[in-house]
């Protein structure tokens, strides 16, 4: 059962990595709609991974309670050790891919904020941003 949960958790991580890599390609090409469409899928995969991780933790805890005199490495077979190792590698990959994506999101966010500031200049008044002066090229007629 542990091997089954490990394999499924590994698949969820690989799917999350793939979707995030697709997000990176899309953000570089300014294709924002596909990124937004993947948000719910990524959320489902993340919840699925968390549930499988909880099952893995529960199963390992049960093995340790059933065999208190045996060290954990001896409780797991070679396949399970390999799957845990693969899981660690995939988690590191996901972390790296998420960092790359986060950098791109920050750059795009700053770009949009600069454009907005040039179109509608604002200043802070207490905790609120208010339009501070006439927009540079925007004219509104009523």
N, C-alpha and C. Protein backbone atom coordinates (compact mmCIF):
# COMPACT_ATOMS: atom_id res chain seq x y z
N UNK A 1 0.82 -1.19 0.00
CA UNK A 1 0.00 0.00 0.00
C UNK A 1 0.86 1.26 0.00
N UNK A 2 1.97 1.22 0.75
CA UNK A 2 2.87 2.36 0.80
C UNK A 2 3.44 2.67 -0.58
N UNK A 3 3.84 1.63 -1.29
CA UNK A 3 4.38 1.84 -2.64
C UNK A 3 3.35 2.49 -3.55
N UNK A 4 2.11 2.08 -3.43
CA UNK A 4 1.02 2.65 -4.23
C UNK A 4 0.88 4.15 -3.96
N UNK A 5 0.86 4.53 -2.68
CA UNK A 5 0.74 5.95 -2.32
C UNK A 5 1.96 6.74 -2.79
N UNK A 6 3.13 6.16 -2.67
CA UNK A 6 4.35 6.83 -3.12
C UNK A 6 4.33 7.07 -4.64
N UNK A 7 3.91 6.05 -5.38
CA UNK A 7 3.85 6.18 -6.84
C UNK A 7 2.85 7.26 -7.26
N UNK A 8 1.70 7.30 -6.60
CA UNK A 8 0.68 8.30 -6.94
C UNK A 8 1.11 9.71 -6.54
N UNK A 9 1.78 9.83 -5.40
CA UNK A 9 2.28 11.13 -4.98
C UNK A 9 3.35 11.62 -5.96
N UNK A 10 4.18 10.72 -6.41
CA UNK A 10 5.21 11.05 -7.40
C UNK A 10 4.58 11.53 -8.70
N UNK A 11 3.51 10.87 -9.13
CA UNK A 11 2.80 11.27 -10.35
C UNK A 11 2.20 12.66 -10.20
N UNK A 12 1.62 12.94 -9.05
CA UNK A 12 1.05 14.27 -8.80
C UNK A 12 2.14 15.34 -8.88
N UNK A 13 3.29 15.07 -8.29
CA UNK A 13 4.39 16.04 -8.35
C UNK A 13 4.85 16.26 -9.78
N UNK A 14 4.98 15.20 -10.53
CA UNK A 14 5.40 15.33 -11.93
C UNK A 14 4.39 16.14 -12.74
N UNK A 15 3.11 15.93 -12.47
CA UNK A 15 2.07 16.72 -13.14
C UNK A 15 2.16 18.20 -12.77
N UNK A 16 2.39 18.48 -11.49
CA UNK A 16 2.53 19.87 -11.05
C UNK A 16 3.75 20.54 -11.71
N UNK A 17 4.83 19.80 -11.81
CA UNK A 17 6.03 20.33 -12.48
C UNK A 17 5.73 20.63 -13.93
N UNK A 18 5.07 19.71 -14.61
CA UNK A 18 4.73 19.90 -16.02
C UNK A 18 3.84 21.11 -16.21
N UNK A 19 2.82 21.26 -15.37
CA UNK A 19 1.91 22.40 -15.50
C UNK A 19 2.64 23.72 -15.24
N UNK A 20 3.54 23.73 -14.28
CA UNK A 20 4.29 24.95 -13.98
C UNK A 20 5.24 25.28 -15.11
N UNK A 21 5.83 24.28 -15.72
CA UNK A 21 6.69 24.53 -16.89
C UNK A 21 5.87 25.10 -18.04
N UNK A 22 4.65 24.63 -18.21
CA UNK A 22 3.75 25.20 -19.23
C UNK A 22 3.41 26.64 -18.89
N UNK A 23 3.23 26.93 -17.60
CA UNK A 23 2.98 28.31 -17.17
C UNK A 23 4.16 29.22 -17.52
N UNK A 24 5.36 28.71 -17.36
CA UNK A 24 6.56 29.49 -17.67
C UNK A 24 6.60 29.82 -19.16
N UNK A 25 6.32 28.84 -19.99
CA UNK A 25 6.29 29.07 -21.44
C UNK A 25 5.21 30.09 -21.78
N UNK A 26 4.04 29.94 -21.19
CA UNK A 26 2.92 30.84 -21.48
C UNK A 26 3.18 32.27 -21.00
N UNK A 27 3.77 32.42 -19.84
CA UNK A 27 4.01 33.78 -19.34
C UNK A 27 5.06 34.49 -20.19
N UNK A 28 6.01 33.74 -20.70
CA UNK A 28 7.02 34.34 -21.58
C UNK A 28 6.42 34.78 -22.91
N UNK A 29 5.35 34.13 -23.32
CA UNK A 29 4.69 34.47 -24.59
C UNK A 29 3.45 35.34 -24.36
N UNK A 30 3.24 35.76 -23.13
CA UNK A 30 2.09 36.60 -22.75
C UNK A 30 0.75 35.93 -23.04
N UNK A 31 0.70 34.62 -22.87
CA UNK A 31 -0.55 33.86 -22.98
C UNK A 31 -1.06 33.63 -21.56
N UNK A 32 -1.88 34.54 -21.09
CA UNK A 32 -2.30 34.48 -19.70
C UNK A 32 -3.50 33.56 -19.46
N UNK A 33 -4.38 33.46 -20.44
CA UNK A 33 -5.58 32.64 -20.26
C UNK A 33 -5.27 31.18 -19.92
N UNK A 34 -4.34 30.54 -20.64
CA UNK A 34 -4.05 29.14 -20.28
C UNK A 34 -3.54 28.99 -18.85
N UNK A 35 -2.81 29.99 -18.36
CA UNK A 35 -2.32 29.94 -16.98
C UNK A 35 -3.49 29.96 -16.00
N UNK A 36 -4.45 30.85 -16.27
CA UNK A 36 -5.60 30.95 -15.38
C UNK A 36 -6.45 29.68 -15.44
N UNK A 37 -6.52 29.07 -16.62
CA UNK A 37 -7.29 27.83 -16.77
C UNK A 37 -6.65 26.69 -15.99
N UNK A 38 -5.32 26.71 -15.88
CA UNK A 38 -4.61 25.64 -15.16
C UNK A 38 -4.66 25.81 -13.64
N UNK A 39 -5.04 26.98 -13.17
CA UNK A 39 -5.03 27.22 -11.72
C UNK A 39 -5.85 26.19 -10.95
N UNK A 40 -7.06 25.92 -11.41
CA UNK A 40 -7.90 24.96 -10.68
C UNK A 40 -7.32 23.54 -10.77
N UNK A 41 -6.74 23.20 -11.92
CA UNK A 41 -6.11 21.88 -12.07
C UNK A 41 -4.92 21.74 -11.12
N UNK A 42 -4.12 22.81 -11.04
CA UNK A 42 -2.97 22.77 -10.15
C UNK A 42 -3.41 22.68 -8.70
N UNK A 43 -4.48 23.37 -8.36
CA UNK A 43 -5.00 23.32 -7.00
C UNK A 43 -5.47 21.91 -6.65
N UNK A 44 -6.17 21.26 -7.59
CA UNK A 44 -6.62 19.89 -7.38
C UNK A 44 -5.44 18.93 -7.20
N UNK A 45 -4.41 19.10 -8.04
CA UNK A 45 -3.23 18.23 -7.95
C UNK A 45 -2.51 18.43 -6.62
N UNK A 46 -2.45 19.68 -6.18
CA UNK A 46 -1.80 19.97 -4.91
C UNK A 46 -2.56 19.33 -3.75
N UNK A 47 -3.87 19.45 -3.77
CA UNK A 47 -4.69 18.82 -2.72
C UNK A 47 -4.55 17.30 -2.77
N UNK A 48 -4.49 16.76 -3.98
CA UNK A 48 -4.33 15.32 -4.15
C UNK A 48 -2.97 14.87 -3.58
N UNK A 49 -1.94 15.64 -3.89
CA UNK A 49 -0.60 15.31 -3.36
C UNK A 49 -0.60 15.36 -1.83
N UNK A 50 -1.20 16.40 -1.27
CA UNK A 50 -1.23 16.53 0.18
C UNK A 50 -1.96 15.35 0.84
N UNK A 51 -3.04 14.91 0.21
CA UNK A 51 -3.79 13.76 0.74
C UNK A 51 -2.93 12.49 0.67
N UNK A 52 -2.23 12.32 -0.43
CA UNK A 52 -1.37 11.13 -0.57
C UNK A 52 -0.20 11.18 0.39
N UNK A 53 0.34 12.38 0.60
CA UNK A 53 1.43 12.52 1.56
C UNK A 53 0.95 12.17 2.96
N UNK A 54 -0.27 12.58 3.29
CA UNK A 54 -0.84 12.23 4.60
C UNK A 54 -0.99 10.72 4.74
N UNK A 55 -1.40 10.07 3.65
CA UNK A 55 -1.53 8.60 3.68
C UNK A 55 -0.16 7.94 3.84
N UNK A 56 0.84 8.50 3.17
CA UNK A 56 2.21 7.97 3.30
C UNK A 56 2.66 8.10 4.75
N UNK A 57 2.47 9.28 5.33
CA UNK A 57 2.86 9.51 6.73
C UNK A 57 2.13 8.54 7.66
N UNK A 58 0.83 8.37 7.42
CA UNK A 58 0.03 7.47 8.25
C UNK A 58 0.52 6.02 8.13
N UNK A 59 0.80 5.61 6.90
CA UNK A 59 1.26 4.23 6.68
C UNK A 59 2.62 3.99 7.33
N UNK A 60 3.53 4.92 7.17
CA UNK A 60 4.87 4.77 7.78
C UNK A 60 4.75 4.78 9.30
N UNK A 61 3.91 5.66 9.82
CA UNK A 61 3.70 5.70 11.27
C UNK A 61 3.15 4.37 11.77
N UNK A 62 2.21 3.80 11.02
CA UNK A 62 1.65 2.50 11.39
C UNK A 62 2.70 1.39 11.38
N UNK A 63 3.57 1.43 10.37
CA UNK A 63 4.66 0.43 10.30
C UNK A 63 5.59 0.56 11.50
N UNK A 64 5.90 1.79 11.86
CA UNK A 64 6.81 2.00 12.98
C UNK A 64 6.18 1.58 14.31
N UNK A 65 4.87 1.82 14.46
CA UNK A 65 4.19 1.41 15.68
C UNK A 65 4.08 -0.12 15.77
N UNK A 66 3.87 -0.75 14.62
CA UNK A 66 3.74 -2.21 14.59
C UNK A 66 5.09 -2.89 14.81
N UNK A 67 6.18 -2.19 14.49
CA UNK A 67 7.52 -2.76 14.61
C UNK A 67 8.43 -1.78 15.35
N UNK A 68 8.20 -1.58 16.64
CA UNK A 68 8.95 -0.56 17.38
C UNK A 68 10.45 -0.85 17.52
N UNK A 69 10.83 -2.10 17.39
CA UNK A 69 12.23 -2.47 17.56
C UNK A 69 13.03 -2.45 16.26
N UNK A 70 12.36 -2.15 15.15
CA UNK A 70 13.02 -2.17 13.84
C UNK A 70 13.18 -0.73 13.36
N UNK A 71 14.39 -0.43 12.86
CA UNK A 71 14.65 0.92 12.34
C UNK A 71 13.86 1.11 11.04
N UNK A 72 13.47 2.35 10.77
CA UNK A 72 12.66 2.65 9.59
C UNK A 72 13.30 2.17 8.30
N UNK A 73 14.59 2.41 8.07
CA UNK A 73 15.16 1.92 6.80
C UNK A 73 15.00 0.42 6.58
N UNK A 74 14.94 -0.34 7.66
CA UNK A 74 14.78 -1.79 7.55
C UNK A 74 13.32 -2.19 7.30
N UNK A 75 12.40 -1.29 7.60
CA UNK A 75 10.98 -1.59 7.40
C UNK A 75 10.57 -1.46 5.93
N UNK A 76 11.33 -0.66 5.18
CA UNK A 76 10.97 -0.39 3.79
C UNK A 76 11.78 -1.27 2.85
N UNK A 77 11.14 -1.67 1.75
CA UNK A 77 11.87 -2.47 0.76
C UNK A 77 12.62 -1.54 -0.21
N UNK A 78 13.37 -2.13 -1.09
CA UNK A 78 14.21 -1.35 -2.02
C UNK A 78 13.38 -0.43 -2.91
N UNK A 79 12.25 -0.91 -3.39
CA UNK A 79 11.39 -0.08 -4.24
C UNK A 79 10.89 1.14 -3.48
N UNK A 80 10.49 0.94 -2.24
CA UNK A 80 9.99 2.05 -1.44
C UNK A 80 11.09 3.08 -1.15
N UNK A 81 12.30 2.59 -0.89
CA UNK A 81 13.43 3.50 -0.71
C UNK A 81 13.66 4.32 -1.99
N UNK A 82 13.59 3.66 -3.13
CA UNK A 82 13.80 4.35 -4.40
C UNK A 82 12.69 5.38 -4.65
N UNK A 83 11.46 5.01 -4.36
CA UNK A 83 10.34 5.93 -4.54
C UNK A 83 10.47 7.16 -3.62
N UNK A 84 10.90 6.94 -2.39
CA UNK A 84 11.12 8.07 -1.48
C UNK A 84 12.23 8.98 -2.00
N UNK A 85 13.27 8.37 -2.53
CA UNK A 85 14.36 9.15 -3.12
C UNK A 85 13.87 9.94 -4.34
N UNK A 86 13.08 9.29 -5.18
CA UNK A 86 12.51 9.97 -6.36
C UNK A 86 11.60 11.12 -5.93
N UNK A 87 10.83 10.90 -4.88
CA UNK A 87 9.93 11.92 -4.36
C UNK A 87 10.73 13.16 -3.92
N UNK A 88 11.83 12.92 -3.26
CA UNK A 88 12.69 14.02 -2.81
C UNK A 88 13.23 14.80 -4.01
N UNK A 89 13.67 14.09 -5.04
CA UNK A 89 14.19 14.74 -6.26
C UNK A 89 13.10 15.57 -6.93
N UNK A 90 11.91 15.03 -7.04
CA UNK A 90 10.81 15.73 -7.69
C UNK A 90 10.37 16.95 -6.88
N UNK A 91 10.39 16.84 -5.57
CA UNK A 91 10.06 18.00 -4.74
C UNK A 91 11.07 19.12 -4.96
N UNK A 92 12.32 18.77 -5.09
CA UNK A 92 13.36 19.78 -5.37
C UNK A 92 13.15 20.41 -6.74
N UNK A 93 12.79 19.59 -7.73
CA UNK A 93 12.50 20.12 -9.07
C UNK A 93 11.33 21.09 -9.03
N UNK A 94 10.27 20.70 -8.30
CA UNK A 94 9.09 21.56 -8.18
C UNK A 94 9.46 22.89 -7.53
N UNK A 95 10.29 22.83 -6.51
CA UNK A 95 10.74 24.05 -5.85
C UNK A 95 11.47 24.96 -6.84
N UNK A 96 12.38 24.39 -7.62
CA UNK A 96 13.15 25.17 -8.60
C UNK A 96 12.26 25.77 -9.68
N UNK A 97 11.34 24.97 -10.19
CA UNK A 97 10.43 25.45 -11.24
C UNK A 97 9.52 26.55 -10.70
N UNK A 98 9.04 26.38 -9.47
CA UNK A 98 8.19 27.40 -8.86
C UNK A 98 8.95 28.70 -8.63
N UNK A 99 10.23 28.60 -8.27
CA UNK A 99 11.05 29.81 -8.09
C UNK A 99 11.21 30.55 -9.42
N UNK A 100 11.47 29.79 -10.48
CA UNK A 100 11.60 30.42 -11.80
C UNK A 100 10.31 31.11 -12.20
N UNK A 101 9.19 30.44 -12.00
CA UNK A 101 7.90 31.00 -12.34
C UNK A 101 7.60 32.25 -11.50
N UNK A 102 7.91 32.18 -10.23
CA UNK A 102 7.66 33.32 -9.34
C UNK A 102 8.46 34.55 -9.78
N UNK A 103 9.68 34.35 -10.23
CA UNK A 103 10.48 35.47 -10.73
C UNK A 103 9.81 36.11 -11.94
N UNK A 104 9.31 35.30 -12.84
CA UNK A 104 8.65 35.83 -14.03
C UNK A 104 7.35 36.55 -13.67
N UNK A 105 6.61 36.00 -12.74
CA UNK A 105 5.37 36.64 -12.29
C UNK A 105 5.68 38.00 -11.68
N UNK A 106 6.74 38.08 -10.91
CA UNK A 106 7.12 39.34 -10.28
C UNK A 106 7.51 40.38 -11.34
N UNK A 107 8.25 39.97 -12.36
CA UNK A 107 8.64 40.88 -13.43
C UNK A 107 7.41 41.40 -14.17
N UNK A 108 6.50 40.51 -14.51
CA UNK A 108 5.28 40.91 -15.23
C UNK A 108 4.43 41.83 -14.35
N UNK A 109 4.31 41.50 -13.09
CA UNK A 109 3.54 42.33 -12.17
C UNK A 109 4.13 43.74 -12.08
N UNK A 110 5.44 43.83 -11.95
CA UNK A 110 6.09 45.14 -11.89
C UNK A 110 5.89 45.92 -13.17
N UNK A 111 5.94 45.23 -14.30
CA UNK A 111 5.73 45.88 -15.59
C UNK A 111 4.32 46.49 -15.67
N UNK A 112 3.32 45.70 -15.30
CA UNK A 112 1.95 46.19 -15.33
C UNK A 112 1.76 47.35 -14.34
N UNK A 113 2.36 47.24 -13.17
CA UNK A 113 2.24 48.32 -12.19
C UNK A 113 2.89 49.61 -12.69
N UNK A 114 4.02 49.51 -13.38
CA UNK A 114 4.67 50.69 -13.96
C UNK A 114 3.79 51.31 -15.04
N UNK A 115 3.22 50.48 -15.89
CA UNK A 115 2.32 51.00 -16.92
C UNK A 115 1.13 51.72 -16.29
N UNK A 116 0.55 51.11 -15.29
CA UNK A 116 -0.60 51.71 -14.62
C UNK A 116 -0.21 53.03 -13.97
N UNK A 117 0.94 53.07 -13.37
CA UNK A 117 1.41 54.30 -12.72
C UNK A 117 1.62 55.42 -13.74
N UNK A 118 2.06 55.06 -14.95
CA UNK A 118 2.26 56.06 -15.98
C UNK A 118 0.93 56.54 -16.55
N UNK A 119 -0.03 55.66 -16.63
CA UNK A 119 -1.35 56.02 -17.15
C UNK A 119 -2.13 56.81 -16.11
N UNK A 120 -2.15 56.33 -14.89
CA UNK A 120 -2.88 56.99 -13.81
C UNK A 120 -1.93 57.14 -12.62
N UNK A 121 -1.16 58.22 -12.56
CA UNK A 121 -0.22 58.41 -11.45
C UNK A 121 -0.97 58.47 -10.12
N UNK A 122 -0.39 57.85 -9.10
CA UNK A 122 -1.02 57.83 -7.78
C UNK A 122 0.00 58.21 -6.72
N UNK A 123 -0.52 58.56 -5.57
CA UNK A 123 0.33 58.77 -4.40
C UNK A 123 -0.40 58.22 -3.20
N UNK A 124 0.36 57.90 -2.18
CA UNK A 124 -0.24 57.35 -0.97
C UNK A 124 -0.78 58.49 -0.11
N UNK A 125 -1.99 58.34 0.35
CA UNK A 125 -2.59 59.27 1.28
C UNK A 125 -3.07 58.42 2.44
N UNK A 126 -2.23 58.34 3.46
CA UNK A 126 -2.49 57.39 4.54
C UNK A 126 -2.24 55.99 4.02
N UNK A 127 -3.27 55.15 4.05
CA UNK A 127 -3.15 53.79 3.55
C UNK A 127 -3.82 53.61 2.19
N UNK A 128 -4.25 54.70 1.59
CA UNK A 128 -4.95 54.61 0.31
C UNK A 128 -4.12 55.24 -0.79
N UNK A 129 -4.21 54.63 -1.97
CA UNK A 129 -3.60 55.23 -3.15
C UNK A 129 -4.67 56.07 -3.84
N UNK A 130 -4.32 57.29 -4.16
CA UNK A 130 -5.25 58.14 -4.88
C UNK A 130 -4.55 58.74 -6.09
N UNK A 131 -5.33 59.09 -7.10
CA UNK A 131 -4.76 59.73 -8.28
C UNK A 131 -4.18 61.06 -7.84
N UNK A 132 -2.90 61.28 -8.17
CA UNK A 132 -2.22 62.47 -7.67
C UNK A 132 -2.23 63.63 -8.65
N UNK A 133 -2.28 63.33 -9.93
CA UNK A 133 -2.25 64.39 -10.93
C UNK A 133 -2.90 63.87 -12.20
N UNK A 134 -2.94 64.71 -13.16
CA UNK A 134 -3.55 64.34 -14.43
C UNK A 134 -2.76 63.20 -15.08
N UNK A 135 -3.44 62.22 -15.61
CA UNK A 135 -2.75 61.14 -16.33
C UNK A 135 -1.99 61.72 -17.52
N UNK A 136 -0.88 61.09 -17.86
CA UNK A 136 -0.02 61.62 -18.90
C UNK A 136 -0.64 61.57 -20.29
N UNK A 137 -1.39 60.56 -20.63
CA UNK A 137 -1.97 60.51 -21.97
C UNK A 137 -3.43 60.10 -21.98
N UNK A 138 -4.04 60.01 -20.83
CA UNK A 138 -5.42 59.59 -20.72
C UNK A 138 -6.30 60.82 -20.51
N UNK A 139 -7.28 60.97 -21.35
CA UNK A 139 -8.20 62.08 -21.19
C UNK A 139 -9.61 61.53 -21.16
N UNK A 140 -10.34 61.98 -20.16
CA UNK A 140 -11.72 61.54 -20.00
C UNK A 140 -12.63 62.74 -20.23
N UNK A 141 -13.60 62.60 -21.12
CA UNK A 141 -14.56 63.67 -21.39
C UNK A 141 -15.94 63.17 -21.01
N UNK A 142 -16.68 64.04 -20.38
CA UNK A 142 -18.03 63.66 -19.96
C UNK A 142 -19.05 64.46 -20.75
